[in-house]
Amino acid sequence: MSGGVDSAVAAALLKEQGHDVIGVTLQIWQETAHETKGAGCCSLGAVEDARRVANRIGIPHYVLNYREPFAEKVIAPFIKDYQRGRTPNPCVNCNRYIKFDALLEKATSLGADYLATGHYARVHHGLGADGRHVLCRAENGSKDQTYALYATLQHQLARMTMPLGELPSKDVTRQLARDYGLSVANKPDSQEICFVQDRNYTEFLEETAPETLVPGQFVDTSGKVRGTHDGIARYTVGQRKRINVGSSIPLYVIQVDAETNTVVVGDDDALFAGGCVVEDLTWVSLAEPPVGEGIPCEVKIRYNMESKPAVLRLRVDGLVDVLFDEPLRAVTPGQAAVFYGTGHRTDWVLGGGTITQRIEQA
């Protein structure tokens, strides 16, 4: 229970269905001079919101200290990605290593049958080939969160349930919260990175990775120096702001090169790629495919986009080439590429991984 309306309603629905529900909030914030007491996900204020909800629906509530694994598995990779010139996605690692790994282990030790969350996604147990558990997009497509859940493993899916996955809209979730008399019914969704609340992420990096904010050079796609940037961590592929160079046309970030501390800029056409290379793969509803075989799919290369047709080819080195049917804009190393099925399985999450580089158009 993160303290928001989604996990609160998930708990209330399960309680109403007759389940023996235990509410758990993770203590993941770090003890620093900037420790937050706001209302964001898993903050000190959120703990109190979760506790009030638990009291209202009549379930026990516990706060578990997960600061150390969170620092190791979420914060450290976040910093490392910026040091490598990547744009990280910390929510993927939080789901992967904290909620669906460490917390599931704790739930098992407490004798719980399932781990329930307030994510907008669906789990169908044993529906796939050879009895695989299937992760599916939410009924409410606009709130679907499977992009951040692709790293969930089969043994974890076997013990998971997501009650909100079948709801048609967020308005229904909030109305249910009002019907249950929950104090968080109108609480805004958290949009912040939880461990840098009340601060700009660059201020966080000034303390933890100052080398990522050292000025360097803007260069264009031909290698010509075009100006000076104010730190690679301030830039991500596709960005137009903060490119203070003289140009008669709009310029965008095409690449961030940490080794040379340069930011490559170019026109909008240069942003389009024919595919991407993906590492650190997890196969979810699909078993690992044979090397070299072309697997038709749909792919998302960022959270807020429609999935687009592509073909997957597993390489002998364990990486995957994702070949887009039509060029896509702003392929960003560090972000996730998530693969979905086609035809009647278009809602199935086949798998996903981390984008490591773009593939140029043919």
Protein backbone atom coordinates (compact mmCIF):
# COMPACT_ATOMS: atom_id res chain seq x y z
CA MET A 1 0.00 0.00 0.00
CA SER A 2 1.83 3.05 -1.30
CA GLY A 3 -0.59 5.54 0.25
CA GLY A 4 -2.38 6.27 -3.02
CA VAL A 5 -5.92 5.59 -4.16
CA ASP A 6 -5.06 2.61 -6.39
CA SER A 7 -3.52 0.33 -3.78
CA ALA A 8 -6.17 1.45 -1.28
CA VAL A 9 -9.00 0.36 -3.57
CA ALA A 10 -7.20 -2.90 -4.41
CA ALA A 11 -7.06 -3.73 -0.70
CA ALA A 12 -10.69 -2.78 -0.15
CA LEU A 13 -11.88 -4.89 -3.10
CA LEU A 14 -10.03 -7.96 -1.82
CA LYS A 15 -11.38 -7.43 1.67
CA GLU A 16 -14.92 -7.17 0.30
CA GLN A 17 -14.39 -10.40 -1.65
CA GLY A 18 -13.71 -12.19 1.63
CA HIS A 19 -9.93 -12.47 1.54
CA ASP A 20 -7.77 -12.19 4.64
CA VAL A 21 -5.84 -9.05 3.70
CA ILE A 22 -2.67 -7.62 5.25
CA GLY A 23 -1.64 -4.08 4.28
CA VAL A 24 2.09 -3.44 3.84
CA THR A 25 3.87 -0.17 3.12
CA LEU A 26 7.55 -0.17 2.22
CA GLN A 27 9.90 2.22 3.98
CA ILE A 28 12.28 3.01 1.14
CA TRP A 29 13.11 6.69 1.60
CA GLN A 30 16.66 7.44 2.62
CA GLU A 31 17.74 9.28 5.77
CA THR A 32 19.27 12.47 4.36
CA ALA A 33 19.02 16.16 4.90
CA HIS A 34 16.34 16.13 2.19
CA GLU A 35 14.16 13.39 3.67
CA THR A 36 10.66 14.04 2.41
CA LYS A 37 7.48 14.20 4.44
CA GLY A 38 5.26 14.88 1.45
CA ALA A 39 2.44 12.87 0.00
CA GLY A 40 4.31 11.14 -2.82
CA CYS A 41 4.61 7.40 -3.29
CA CYS A 42 5.96 5.68 -0.14
CA SER A 43 6.86 8.97 1.57
CA LEU A 44 6.32 9.60 5.28
CA GLY A 45 2.98 11.26 4.52
CA ALA A 46 1.96 8.31 2.36
CA VAL A 47 2.52 5.92 5.26
CA GLU A 48 -0.08 7.79 7.29
CA ASP A 49 -2.51 7.75 4.36
CA ALA A 50 -2.05 3.97 4.01
CA ARG A 51 -2.53 3.48 7.74
CA ARG A 52 -5.79 5.44 7.71
CA VAL A 53 -7.07 3.36 4.78
CA ALA A 54 -6.17 0.11 6.54
CA ASN A 55 -8.01 1.24 9.67
CA ARG A 56 -11.06 2.21 7.61
CA ILE A 57 -11.39 -1.16 5.87
CA GLY A 58 -10.40 -3.12 8.96
CA ILE A 59 -7.13 -4.79 8.04
CA PRO A 60 -3.76 -4.89 9.83
CA HIS A 61 -1.09 -2.56 8.47
CA TYR A 62 2.68 -2.89 8.71
CA VAL A 63 5.62 -0.76 7.60
CA LEU A 64 8.64 -2.76 6.44
CA ASN A 65 12.14 -1.26 6.21
CA TYR A 66 13.46 -1.80 2.68
CA ARG A 67 15.89 1.12 2.60
CA GLU A 68 18.99 -0.99 2.03
CA PRO A 69 17.75 -3.10 -0.92
CA PHE A 70 16.11 -0.03 -2.44
CA ALA A 71 19.38 1.89 -2.30
CA GLU A 72 21.25 -1.04 -3.85
CA LYS A 73 18.77 -2.13 -6.51
CA VAL A 74 17.08 1.13 -7.50
CA ILE A 75 19.07 4.21 -6.52
CA ALA A 76 22.55 2.87 -7.39
CA PRO A 77 21.54 1.75 -10.93
CA PHE A 78 19.75 5.09 -11.42
CA ILE A 79 23.02 6.92 -10.73
CA LYS A 80 25.08 4.49 -12.81
CA ASP A 81 22.82 4.94 -15.83
CA TYR A 82 23.34 8.69 -15.81
CA GLN A 83 27.07 8.12 -15.50
CA ARG A 84 26.84 5.97 -18.66
CA GLY A 85 24.89 8.61 -20.58
CA ARG A 86 21.60 6.72 -20.31
CA THR A 87 18.12 7.78 -19.24
CA PRO A 88 17.06 5.37 -16.46
CA ASN A 89 13.64 4.03 -15.54
CA PRO A 90 13.78 3.44 -11.76
CA CYS A 91 10.16 2.25 -11.51
CA VAL A 92 11.06 -0.88 -13.51
CA ASN A 93 13.80 -1.80 -11.04
CA CYS A 94 11.57 -1.02 -8.06
CA ASN A 95 8.89 -3.41 -9.34
CA ARG A 96 11.47 -6.00 -10.34
CA TYR A 97 13.68 -6.15 -7.28
CA ILE A 98 11.67 -4.64 -4.44
CA LYS A 99 7.94 -5.23 -4.89
CA PHE A 100 8.00 -8.50 -6.81
CA ASP A 101 11.19 -9.99 -5.40
CA ALA A 102 12.01 -8.90 -1.86
CA LEU A 103 8.40 -8.16 -0.87
CA LEU A 104 7.08 -11.39 -2.39
CA GLU A 105 9.70 -13.30 -0.40
CA LYS A 106 8.49 -11.57 2.76
CA ALA A 107 4.85 -12.32 1.90
CA THR A 108 5.74 -15.98 1.48
CA SER A 109 7.47 -16.05 4.86
CA LEU A 110 4.30 -14.60 6.42
CA GLY A 111 2.22 -17.38 4.91
CA ALA A 112 0.42 -15.23 2.34
CA ASP A 113 -1.01 -16.98 -0.72
CA TYR A 114 -0.77 -13.96 -3.02
CA LEU A 115 0.87 -10.57 -3.35
CA ALA A 116 -1.68 -7.99 -4.50
CA THR A 117 -0.86 -4.55 -5.89
CA GLY A 118 -2.76 -1.56 -7.23
CA HIS A 119 -1.19 -1.77 -10.69
CA TYR A 120 -3.38 -1.51 -13.77
CA ALA A 121 -2.56 -4.85 -15.39
CA ARG A 122 -4.01 -8.35 -15.52
CA VAL A 123 -2.55 -11.75 -14.65
CA HIS A 124 -4.05 -14.91 -16.15
CA HIS A 125 -2.71 -17.99 -14.42
CA GLY A 126 -1.84 -20.96 -16.63
CA LEU A 127 -3.35 -19.48 -19.80
CA GLY A 128 -0.21 -19.57 -21.94
CA ALA A 129 1.65 -22.35 -23.74
CA ASP A 130 2.76 -25.18 -21.43
CA GLY A 131 0.77 -23.61 -18.61
CA ARG A 132 2.70 -20.33 -18.55
CA HIS A 133 1.21 -17.49 -16.57
CA VAL A 134 0.30 -14.54 -18.78
CA LEU A 135 0.71 -10.84 -18.02
CA CYS A 136 -1.83 -8.77 -19.95
CA ARG A 137 -2.55 -5.12 -20.51
CA ALA A 138 -5.22 -3.55 -18.31
CA GLU A 139 -8.80 -3.23 -19.47
CA ASN A 140 -8.30 0.53 -19.11
CA GLY A 141 -5.75 1.12 -21.86
CA SER A 142 -5.05 4.71 -20.86
CA LYS A 143 -3.88 3.57 -17.39
CA ASP A 144 -2.14 0.34 -18.42
CA GLN A 145 1.10 -0.14 -16.45
CA THR A 146 2.49 -3.31 -18.02
CA TYR A 147 5.36 -1.31 -19.54
CA ALA A 148 6.89 -1.08 -16.04
CA LEU A 149 6.06 -4.70 -15.16
CA TYR A 150 7.71 -6.59 -18.03
CA ALA A 151 10.52 -7.95 -15.81
CA THR A 152 8.13 -10.05 -13.71
CA LEU A 153 9.11 -13.74 -13.66
CA GLN A 154 6.87 -16.78 -13.96
CA HIS A 155 7.17 -17.86 -10.32
CA GLN A 156 6.25 -14.31 -9.29
CA LEU A 157 3.23 -14.12 -11.59
CA ALA A 158 2.02 -17.39 -10.06
CA ARG A 159 1.62 -15.60 -6.71
CA MET A 160 0.34 -12.22 -7.91
CA THR A 161 -3.04 -10.59 -8.36
CA MET A 162 -3.90 -7.09 -9.60
CA PRO A 163 -7.57 -6.32 -8.82
CA LEU A 164 -7.67 -3.02 -10.72
CA GLY A 165 -6.72 -4.57 -14.05
CA GLU A 166 -10.35 -5.21 -14.99
CA LEU A 167 -11.66 -1.74 -14.11
CA PRO A 168 -12.69 0.39 -17.12
CA SER A 169 -11.37 3.76 -15.92
CA LYS A 170 -9.62 5.67 -13.14
CA ASP A 171 -12.93 7.45 -12.48
CA VAL A 172 -14.37 4.08 -11.45
CA THR A 173 -11.45 3.56 -9.08
CA ARG A 174 -12.04 6.92 -7.42
CA GLN A 175 -15.78 6.31 -7.16
CA LEU A 176 -15.10 2.98 -5.47
CA ALA A 177 -12.80 4.78 -3.02
CA ARG A 178 -15.60 7.23 -2.23
CA ASP A 179 -18.07 4.37 -1.83
CA TYR A 180 -15.70 2.70 0.65
CA GLY A 181 -15.25 6.00 2.50
CA LEU A 182 -11.49 6.14 1.87
CA SER A 183 -9.72 9.41 2.65
CA VAL A 184 -7.49 9.10 -0.44
CA ALA A 185 -10.37 9.05 -2.96
CA ASN A 186 -9.37 12.40 -4.48
CA LYS A 187 -5.64 12.21 -3.81
CA PRO A 188 -3.66 13.17 -6.96
CA ASP A 189 -1.50 10.55 -8.63
CA SER A 190 2.18 10.77 -7.73
CA GLN A 191 4.28 11.88 -10.71
CA GLU A 192 7.63 12.15 -8.95
CA ILE A 193 10.65 9.91 -8.68
CA CYS A 194 10.04 8.87 -5.08
CA PHE A 195 13.60 9.27 -3.81
CA VAL A 196 14.07 12.79 -5.22
CA GLN A 197 10.79 14.33 -4.11
CA ASP A 198 10.81 18.09 -3.52
CA ARG A 199 14.03 18.31 -5.53
CA ASN A 200 15.00 18.41 -9.14
CA TYR A 201 16.75 15.15 -10.12
CA THR A 202 19.78 17.16 -11.23
CA GLU A 203 20.15 18.45 -7.68
CA PHE A 204 20.18 14.83 -6.53
CA LEU A 205 22.91 14.07 -9.08
CA GLU A 206 24.94 17.10 -7.97
CA GLU A 207 25.36 15.26 -4.66
CA THR A 208 25.69 11.69 -5.93
CA ALA A 209 27.26 11.94 -9.39
CA PRO A 210 28.63 15.46 -9.98
CA GLU A 211 30.68 14.25 -12.95
CA THR A 212 27.44 13.93 -14.94
CA LEU A 213 26.94 17.70 -14.68
CA VAL A 214 30.37 18.77 -15.93
CA PRO A 215 30.14 21.03 -19.03
CA GLY A 216 31.14 19.53 -22.36
CA GLN A 217 30.62 19.98 -26.08
CA PHE A 218 27.62 19.85 -28.36
CA VAL A 219 28.56 18.21 -31.65
CA ASP A 220 26.40 17.63 -34.71
CA THR A 221 26.01 14.32 -36.54
CA SER A 222 29.05 15.13 -38.70
CA GLY A 223 31.22 15.62 -35.58
CA LYS A 224 31.43 19.42 -35.83
CA VAL A 225 31.50 21.26 -32.49
CA ARG A 226 28.40 23.44 -32.16
CA GLY A 227 28.61 24.77 -28.61
CA THR A 228 28.84 23.91 -24.93
CA HIS A 229 26.38 21.91 -22.84
CA ASP A 230 26.04 22.04 -19.04
CA GLY A 231 26.27 18.33 -18.15
CA ILE A 232 25.16 15.13 -19.89
CA ALA A 233 22.63 14.29 -17.16
CA ARG A 234 20.56 17.27 -18.23
CA TYR A 235 19.93 15.74 -21.67
CA THR A 236 17.99 12.80 -23.10
CA VAL A 237 17.39 11.60 -26.63
CA GLY A 238 14.67 13.62 -28.36
CA GLN A 239 15.09 16.68 -26.14
CA ARG A 240 14.91 20.13 -27.75
CA LYS A 241 15.27 22.42 -24.74
CA ARG A 242 18.64 23.63 -23.42
CA ILE A 243 20.38 23.26 -26.80
CA ASN A 244 21.87 26.73 -26.90
CA VAL A 245 23.59 26.72 -30.28
CA GLY A 246 23.00 28.87 -33.32
CA SER A 247 20.89 27.04 -35.88
CA SER A 248 18.38 27.98 -38.55
CA ILE A 249 16.40 24.78 -37.84
CA PRO A 250 15.30 23.12 -34.59
CA LEU A 251 17.92 20.74 -33.18
CA TYR A 252 17.33 17.75 -30.94
CA VAL A 253 19.47 15.45 -28.82
CA ILE A 254 20.38 12.42 -30.93
CA GLN A 255 22.90 10.75 -28.61
CA VAL A 256 24.55 11.25 -25.22
CA ASP A 257 28.17 10.04 -25.12
CA ALA A 258 29.44 9.73 -21.56
CA GLU A 259 32.97 8.64 -22.57
CA THR A 260 33.64 11.88 -24.44
CA ASN A 261 31.21 13.99 -22.39
CA THR A 262 29.53 15.12 -25.60
CA VAL A 263 25.91 15.54 -26.64
CA VAL A 264 25.19 14.85 -30.32
CA VAL A 265 22.49 17.05 -31.86
CA GLY A 266 20.69 16.90 -35.19
CA ASP A 267 17.44 17.65 -36.98
CA ASP A 268 14.18 15.78 -36.44
CA ASP A 269 14.88 13.31 -39.23
CA ALA A 270 18.04 12.15 -37.45
CA LEU A 271 15.92 11.06 -34.47
CA PHE A 272 14.26 8.24 -36.38
CA ALA A 273 15.74 4.74 -36.16
CA GLY A 274 14.98 1.45 -37.86
CA GLY A 275 15.21 -0.54 -34.64
CA CYS A 276 17.06 -1.01 -31.38
CA VAL A 277 19.27 -3.50 -29.58
CA VAL A 278 17.91 -4.73 -26.25
CA GLU A 279 19.78 -6.31 -23.32
CA ASP A 280 18.91 -7.73 -19.89
CA LEU A 281 15.93 -9.59 -21.30
CA THR A 282 12.97 -11.09 -19.48
CA TRP A 283 10.58 -13.39 -21.34
CA VAL A 284 7.18 -13.23 -19.68
CA SER A 285 4.16 -14.70 -21.47
CA LEU A 286 6.44 -16.06 -24.22
CA ALA A 287 9.17 -18.63 -23.60
CA GLU A 288 12.60 -17.61 -24.90
CA PRO A 289 12.47 -17.88 -28.71
CA PRO A 290 15.06 -19.69 -30.87
CA VAL A 291 18.11 -17.70 -31.99
CA GLY A 292 17.55 -15.96 -35.31
CA GLU A 293 13.84 -16.70 -35.63
CA GLY A 294 11.74 -13.66 -36.49
CA ILE A 295 8.97 -13.14 -33.92
CA PRO A 296 6.25 -10.65 -34.98
CA CYS A 297 5.19 -8.39 -32.13
CA GLU A 298 4.22 -4.90 -31.15
CA VAL A 299 6.73 -2.84 -29.19
CA LYS A 300 6.70 0.16 -26.88
CA ILE A 301 9.99 2.04 -26.41
CA ARG A 302 8.58 4.47 -23.85
CA TYR A 303 5.73 4.44 -21.36
CA ASN A 304 3.42 6.95 -23.00
CA MET A 305 3.19 5.68 -26.57
CA GLU A 306 1.08 3.31 -28.59
CA SER A 307 2.69 -0.03 -29.34
CA LYS A 308 4.03 -0.33 -32.88
CA PRO A 309 4.60 -3.36 -35.16
CA ALA A 310 8.09 -4.89 -35.09
CA VAL A 311 10.00 -8.16 -35.43
CA LEU A 312 12.23 -9.66 -32.71
CA ARG A 313 15.39 -11.60 -33.49
CA LEU A 314 17.30 -13.21 -30.62
CA ARG A 315 21.07 -13.06 -31.22
CA VAL A 316 23.67 -15.65 -30.30
CA ASP A 317 25.10 -13.23 -27.70
CA GLY A 318 21.76 -13.17 -25.86
CA LEU A 319 20.75 -9.70 -27.02
CA VAL A 320 17.69 -9.02 -29.15
CA ASP A 321 17.46 -6.96 -32.31
CA VAL A 322 14.08 -5.21 -32.45
CA LEU A 323 13.35 -4.25 -36.06
CA PHE A 324 10.54 -1.72 -36.44
CA ASP A 325 8.09 -2.02 -39.34
CA GLU A 326 8.28 1.78 -39.65
CA PRO A 327 11.05 4.00 -38.20
CA LEU A 328 10.37 5.21 -34.65
CA ARG A 329 11.45 8.46 -33.07
CA ALA A 330 13.80 8.94 -30.12
CA VAL A 331 15.14 5.48 -29.28
CA THR A 332 16.63 6.12 -25.83
CA PRO A 333 19.32 3.92 -24.19
CA GLY A 334 18.35 3.09 -20.61
CA GLN A 335 14.62 3.01 -21.31
CA ALA A 336 12.68 -0.23 -21.65
CA ALA A 337 11.54 -1.87 -24.86
CA VAL A 338 8.49 -3.98 -24.07
CA PHE A 339 7.13 -6.57 -26.48
CA TYR A 340 3.43 -7.36 -26.90
CA GLY A 341 1.66 -10.06 -28.87
CA THR A 342 -0.21 -9.69 -32.15
CA GLY A 343 -3.66 -10.70 -33.34
CA HIS A 344 -5.85 -12.14 -30.57
CA ARG A 345 -2.86 -11.95 -28.19
CA THR A 346 -2.22 -8.23 -28.61
CA ASP A 347 -2.77 -7.69 -24.87
CA TRP A 348 -0.12 -10.25 -23.88
CA VAL A 349 3.24 -9.02 -22.61
CA LEU A 350 5.73 -11.27 -24.39
CA GLY A 351 8.76 -9.82 -22.62
CA GLY A 352 11.11 -6.88 -22.64
CA GLY A 353 14.50 -5.49 -21.77
CA THR A 354 16.68 -2.39 -21.67
CA ILE A 355 17.53 -0.45 -24.81
CA THR A 356 21.28 -0.29 -25.28
CA GLN A 357 21.58 1.33 -28.74
CA ARG A 358 19.67 2.25 -31.85
CA ILE A 359 19.73 0.45 -35.18
CA GLU A 360 19.99 2.81 -38.12
CA GLN A 361 17.40 2.79 -40.87
CA ALA A 362 18.11 0.45 -43.76
